[in-house]
Amino acid sequence: MRILAVDDKAMPRKVLVRAIEEAQPDAEIVACASAGEVLARPDAGGFDVAFVDIDMPGMNGVALARELKRLNPHVNVIFATGFGEYMADAFALHSSGYLMKPITAADVAAELENLRFPPALLIDDRDGRLVVRCFGDFEVFSGGRAVAFERAKTKELLAYLVDRRGAVVPLREVEAAIWEEPVGGRGASGSYLRTLVADLRKTLEACGHADVVVRRRGVLGIDVRNVSCDYYDFLADDPLAVNAWHGEYMSQYSWAEATKASLLSKL
């Protein structure tokens, strides 16, 4: 686990680092004194957890958290501060936690046990499967890196197929879901969906996962055996996936609300 500790004051920074070392002895810890020092690092987007002081000169901790989340949507930001008035801003950013100083090893351990995005779920693709994360925003990883999609709708197409859990879906149903009405119904050509299907296959082939998409005449699906997915693990009662569920599911897609409601009903 790679953990970032940011505080502009030397003594609180030392206390924070010592608490992290006691709570997570095997972690790789990087300590920084400012947001600028963090963002100047080439690996700024590569941390699993970031403990961030809020009240810092220049770019404060909330602004730094926004930048860290832009670089890595699944970084677990835990605000470490002596001030309570920033709590609303912290949770608006979907932070993983909020600690009041002085911070102890027990405080750190409790937060690391309840991360919004457990690192083991994010990067464990050693079995060669494509990693997809549905809790929070929908994200896709291959080889520990986020998969880049040329078109946002291509990514949404994959999200919809993941949501259907291996069921083969008529192309017209996909059309209706991701455009909220058939493409032809708004004067556009259904050929655009075929373009997205081709783009999806090309994207997955490029990262070595051509075996994920299942295409037959008029229908489309995924082979769930070739996908590692927190949603699927949650349904199988995997403890890590259950711990990762915080009531958010594919947050960027309105059609995912039905599945979210179904997941909430299981609690």
Protein backbone atom coordinates (compact mmCIF):
# COMPACT_ATOMS: atom_id res chain seq x y z
CA MET A 1 0.00 0.00 0.00
CA ARG A 2 1.36 3.45 -0.94
CA ILE A 3 0.36 6.17 1.52
CA LEU A 4 0.84 9.93 1.19
CA ALA A 5 1.09 12.15 4.29
CA VAL A 6 0.80 15.91 3.73
CA ASP A 7 1.15 18.59 6.41
CA ASP A 8 2.95 21.94 6.15
CA LYS A 9 4.09 21.80 9.80
CA ALA A 10 7.04 19.54 10.62
CA MET A 11 5.93 18.21 14.01
CA PRO A 12 2.34 17.24 13.06
CA ARG A 13 3.77 15.68 9.90
CA LYS A 14 6.14 13.55 12.01
CA VAL A 15 3.31 12.52 14.33
CA LEU A 16 1.17 11.55 11.34
CA VAL A 17 3.95 9.53 9.70
CA ARG A 18 4.70 7.73 12.98
CA ALA A 19 1.01 6.87 13.41
CA ILE A 20 0.84 5.49 9.86
CA GLU A 21 4.02 3.44 10.42
CA GLU A 22 2.56 1.89 13.57
CA ALA A 23 -0.80 1.18 11.96
CA GLN A 24 0.55 -0.12 8.64
CA PRO A 25 4.19 -1.25 9.06
CA ASP A 26 4.47 -2.61 5.51
CA ALA A 27 3.23 0.55 3.79
CA GLU A 28 5.37 2.73 1.54
CA ILE A 29 4.97 6.19 3.07
CA VAL A 30 5.77 9.46 1.31
CA ALA A 31 5.69 12.65 3.41
CA CYS A 32 5.30 16.09 1.82
CA ALA A 33 5.13 19.62 3.23
CA SER A 34 2.87 21.24 0.62
CA ALA A 35 0.44 20.61 -2.22
CA GLY A 36 3.03 21.91 -4.67
CA GLU A 37 5.57 19.33 -3.48
CA VAL A 38 2.99 16.56 -3.99
CA LEU A 39 1.89 17.64 -7.45
CA ALA A 40 5.48 18.06 -8.63
CA ARG A 41 6.02 14.34 -8.13
CA PRO A 42 5.66 12.17 -11.26
CA ASP A 43 3.86 9.55 -9.15
CA ALA A 44 1.31 11.98 -7.65
CA GLY A 45 -1.55 9.90 -9.05
CA GLY A 46 -0.14 6.63 -7.76
CA PHE A 47 -1.13 6.65 -4.08
CA ASP A 48 -3.69 4.30 -2.55
CA VAL A 49 -4.32 6.57 0.45
CA ALA A 50 -3.61 10.26 1.09
CA PHE A 51 -3.73 11.76 4.59
CA VAL A 52 -4.04 15.48 3.87
CA ASP A 53 -3.96 18.46 6.22
CA ILE A 54 -6.55 21.04 5.19
CA ASP A 55 -5.30 24.39 6.50
CA MET A 56 -2.09 24.86 4.46
CA PRO A 57 -0.67 28.00 2.79
CA GLY A 58 -1.05 28.29 -0.96
CA MET A 59 -3.19 25.43 -2.22
CA ASN A 60 -5.12 24.09 0.76
CA GLY A 61 -5.90 20.43 1.43
CA VAL A 62 -9.36 20.48 -0.15
CA ALA A 63 -7.96 21.84 -3.42
CA LEU A 64 -5.14 19.28 -3.28
CA ALA A 65 -7.68 16.50 -2.76
CA ARG A 66 -9.53 17.62 -5.91
CA GLU A 67 -6.28 17.39 -7.89
CA LEU A 68 -5.40 13.98 -6.46
CA LYS A 69 -8.87 12.69 -7.36
CA ARG A 70 -8.51 14.10 -10.86
CA LEU A 71 -5.25 12.15 -11.24
CA ASN A 72 -6.65 9.01 -9.61
CA PRO A 73 -10.43 8.82 -9.07
CA HIS A 74 -9.98 5.98 -6.57
CA VAL A 75 -7.44 7.53 -4.23
CA ASN A 76 -8.69 7.31 -0.63
CA VAL A 77 -8.41 10.85 0.74
CA ILE A 78 -8.47 11.10 4.53
CA PHE A 79 -8.41 14.66 5.83
CA ALA A 80 -6.22 15.16 8.90
CA THR A 81 -6.88 18.51 10.49
CA GLY A 82 -7.32 20.50 13.67
CA PHE A 83 -10.41 22.24 12.31
CA GLY A 84 -13.94 20.86 12.08
CA GLU A 85 -15.46 23.52 9.83
CA TYR A 86 -14.15 21.91 6.64
CA MET A 87 -16.10 18.69 7.14
CA ALA A 88 -18.85 19.58 4.64
CA ASP A 89 -16.26 20.31 1.92
CA ALA A 90 -14.47 17.06 2.73
CA PHE A 91 -17.52 14.88 2.32
CA ALA A 92 -18.65 16.75 -0.79
CA LEU A 93 -15.44 15.36 -2.32
CA HIS A 94 -16.46 11.82 -1.28
CA SER A 95 -13.44 11.58 0.99
CA SER A 96 -12.74 8.30 2.73
CA GLY A 97 -12.43 9.86 6.18
CA TYR A 98 -11.90 12.91 8.38
CA LEU A 99 -9.58 12.83 11.41
CA MET A 100 -9.12 15.47 14.05
CA LYS A 101 -5.63 16.14 15.40
CA PRO A 102 -3.80 14.86 17.39
CA ILE A 103 -3.89 11.67 15.32
CA THR A 104 -3.03 8.29 16.81
CA ALA A 105 -2.11 4.93 15.29
CA ALA A 106 -5.52 3.64 16.39
CA ASP A 107 -7.21 6.46 14.42
CA VAL A 108 -5.19 5.61 11.32
CA ALA A 109 -5.81 1.87 11.66
CA ALA A 110 -9.57 2.43 11.93
CA GLU A 111 -9.57 4.52 8.73
CA LEU A 112 -7.44 2.00 6.82
CA GLU A 113 -9.88 -0.76 7.79
CA ASN A 114 -12.77 1.18 6.26
CA LEU A 115 -11.43 2.68 3.04
CA ARG A 116 -13.91 3.74 0.39
CA PHE A 117 -11.74 2.03 -2.26
CA PRO A 118 -9.77 -0.88 -0.73
CA PRO A 119 -6.49 -1.10 -2.71
CA ALA A 120 -6.70 -4.89 -3.02
CA LEU A 121 -9.88 -4.44 -5.06
CA LEU A 122 -8.39 -1.81 -7.34
CA ILE A 123 -5.22 -3.38 -8.61
CA ASP A 124 -5.52 -7.13 -8.11
CA ASP A 125 -5.43 -8.21 -11.76
CA ARG A 126 -2.73 -10.85 -11.26
CA ASP A 127 -5.11 -13.49 -12.63
CA GLY A 128 -5.13 -11.66 -15.97
CA ARG A 129 -8.73 -10.42 -15.89
CA LEU A 130 -9.94 -6.94 -16.75
CA VAL A 131 -10.62 -5.01 -13.53
CA VAL A 132 -13.81 -2.93 -13.42
CA ARG A 133 -14.98 -0.86 -10.50
CA CYS A 134 -18.66 -0.01 -10.23
CA PHE A 135 -18.80 1.43 -6.70
CA GLY A 136 -18.51 5.20 -6.98
CA ASP A 137 -17.90 6.14 -10.60
CA PHE A 138 -17.46 3.39 -13.18
CA GLU A 139 -13.74 2.86 -13.89
CA VAL A 140 -11.76 0.23 -15.82
CA PHE A 141 -8.18 -0.94 -15.15
CA SER A 142 -5.69 -3.13 -16.98
CA GLY A 143 -2.20 -3.84 -15.70
CA GLY A 144 -2.85 -1.53 -12.74
CA ARG A 145 -3.57 1.47 -15.02
CA ALA A 146 -6.82 3.12 -15.99
CA VAL A 147 -8.01 2.15 -19.47
CA ALA A 148 -8.33 5.18 -21.77
CA PHE A 149 -11.50 5.31 -23.86
CA GLU A 150 -11.57 7.45 -26.98
CA ARG A 151 -15.31 8.08 -26.55
CA ALA A 152 -17.23 8.53 -23.29
CA LYS A 153 -20.13 6.57 -24.79
CA THR A 154 -17.83 3.60 -25.46
CA LYS A 155 -17.05 3.47 -21.75
CA GLU A 156 -20.75 3.77 -20.95
CA LEU A 157 -21.50 0.90 -23.33
CA LEU A 158 -19.10 -1.33 -21.38
CA ALA A 159 -20.62 -0.13 -18.10
CA TYR A 160 -24.09 -1.16 -19.27
CA LEU A 161 -22.88 -4.62 -20.29
CA VAL A 162 -21.13 -5.05 -16.93
CA ASP A 163 -24.34 -4.02 -15.19
CA ARG A 164 -26.20 -6.80 -17.07
CA ARG A 165 -23.78 -9.41 -15.62
CA GLY A 166 -23.22 -11.50 -18.70
CA ALA A 167 -26.73 -11.42 -20.12
CA VAL A 168 -26.73 -10.96 -23.90
CA VAL A 169 -28.55 -7.74 -24.64
CA PRO A 170 -30.33 -6.74 -27.87
CA LEU A 171 -28.61 -3.77 -29.44
CA ARG A 172 -31.87 -1.81 -29.43
CA GLU A 173 -32.06 -2.23 -25.65
CA VAL A 174 -28.54 -0.86 -25.27
CA GLU A 175 -29.51 2.03 -27.52
CA ALA A 176 -32.57 2.82 -25.42
CA ALA A 177 -30.64 2.63 -22.14
CA ILE A 178 -27.58 4.74 -22.84
CA TRP A 179 -29.43 7.37 -24.87
CA GLU A 180 -32.65 7.01 -22.84
CA GLU A 181 -34.44 6.42 -26.15
CA PRO A 182 -33.53 4.56 -29.33
CA VAL A 183 -30.91 6.40 -31.38
CA GLY A 184 -33.19 6.28 -34.40
CA GLY A 185 -35.93 7.89 -32.31
CA ARG A 186 -34.01 11.14 -32.16
CA GLY A 187 -33.05 11.27 -35.80
CA ALA A 188 -29.57 9.81 -35.41
CA SER A 189 -28.32 6.68 -37.12
CA GLY A 190 -28.06 3.32 -35.35
CA SER A 191 -24.74 3.00 -37.13
CA TYR A 192 -23.24 5.09 -34.30
CA LEU A 193 -23.90 2.25 -31.88
CA ARG A 194 -22.09 -0.12 -34.22
CA THR A 195 -19.20 2.37 -34.22
CA LEU A 196 -19.17 2.25 -30.41
CA VAL A 197 -19.17 -1.55 -30.43
CA ALA A 198 -16.20 -1.57 -32.81
CA ASP A 199 -14.45 1.07 -30.69
CA LEU A 200 -15.02 -0.98 -27.53
CA ARG A 201 -13.56 -4.11 -29.09
CA LYS A 202 -10.56 -2.13 -30.38
CA THR A 203 -9.95 -0.57 -26.95
CA LEU A 204 -10.10 -3.90 -25.15
CA GLU A 205 -7.94 -5.64 -27.74
CA ALA A 206 -5.29 -2.93 -27.28
CA CYS A 207 -4.97 -3.75 -23.57
CA GLY A 208 -5.13 -7.52 -24.06
CA HIS A 209 -8.76 -8.12 -23.15
CA ALA A 210 -10.45 -8.93 -26.43
CA ASP A 211 -12.07 -11.93 -24.74
CA VAL A 212 -14.33 -9.73 -22.59
CA VAL A 213 -16.88 -8.77 -25.28
CA VAL A 214 -19.36 -11.35 -26.58
CA ARG A 215 -20.92 -10.35 -29.91
CA ARG A 216 -23.55 -12.29 -31.80
CA ARG A 217 -26.00 -11.17 -34.43
CA GLY A 218 -28.16 -8.43 -32.97
CA VAL A 219 -26.99 -8.93 -29.37
CA LEU A 220 -24.06 -7.98 -27.18
CA GLY A 221 -22.72 -9.05 -23.80
CA ILE A 222 -19.59 -9.74 -21.78
CA ASP A 223 -17.95 -12.93 -20.58
CA VAL A 224 -18.02 -12.41 -16.80
CA ARG A 225 -15.31 -15.05 -16.34
CA ASN A 226 -12.83 -12.59 -17.82
CA VAL A 227 -13.79 -9.66 -15.58
CA SER A 228 -12.89 -8.87 -11.96
CA CYS A 229 -15.69 -6.68 -10.62
CA ASP A 230 -16.52 -5.28 -7.16
CA TYR A 231 -20.25 -5.44 -7.97
CA TYR A 232 -20.04 -9.14 -8.77
CA ASP A 233 -17.91 -9.80 -5.69
CA PHE A 234 -20.44 -7.92 -3.54
CA LEU A 235 -23.23 -10.16 -4.79
CA ALA A 236 -21.04 -13.16 -3.88
CA ASP A 237 -20.62 -11.77 -0.31
CA ASP A 238 -16.90 -11.12 -0.68
CA PRO A 239 -15.85 -9.21 2.50
CA LEU A 240 -13.60 -6.71 0.67
CA ALA A 241 -16.35 -5.84 -1.79
CA VAL A 242 -18.95 -5.52 0.96
CA ASN A 243 -16.60 -3.15 2.80
CA ALA A 244 -16.10 -1.11 -0.39
CA TRP A 245 -19.84 -0.46 -0.83
CA HIS A 246 -20.75 3.04 0.36
CA GLY A 247 -24.08 3.47 -1.40
CA GLU A 248 -22.66 4.72 -4.72
CA TYR A 249 -22.93 2.71 -7.94
CA MET A 250 -21.80 3.89 -11.38
CA SER A 251 -22.60 7.40 -10.23
CA GLN A 252 -22.16 9.04 -13.63
CA TYR A 253 -24.97 7.03 -15.29
CA SER A 254 -28.67 7.69 -14.57
CA TRP A 255 -29.76 4.26 -15.85
CA ALA A 256 -27.70 2.65 -13.04
CA GLU A 257 -30.11 3.93 -10.38
CA ALA A 258 -32.23 0.74 -10.60
CA THR A 259 -29.24 -1.46 -9.74
CA LYS A 260 -28.20 0.93 -6.97
CA ALA A 261 -31.68 0.62 -5.44
CA SER A 262 -31.43 -3.16 -5.64
CA LEU A 263 -28.05 -3.10 -3.86
CA LEU A 264 -29.38 -0.81 -1.12
CA SER A 265 -32.26 -3.21 -0.53
CA LYS A 266 -29.77 -5.98 0.28
CA LEU A 267 -28.35 -4.12 3.29
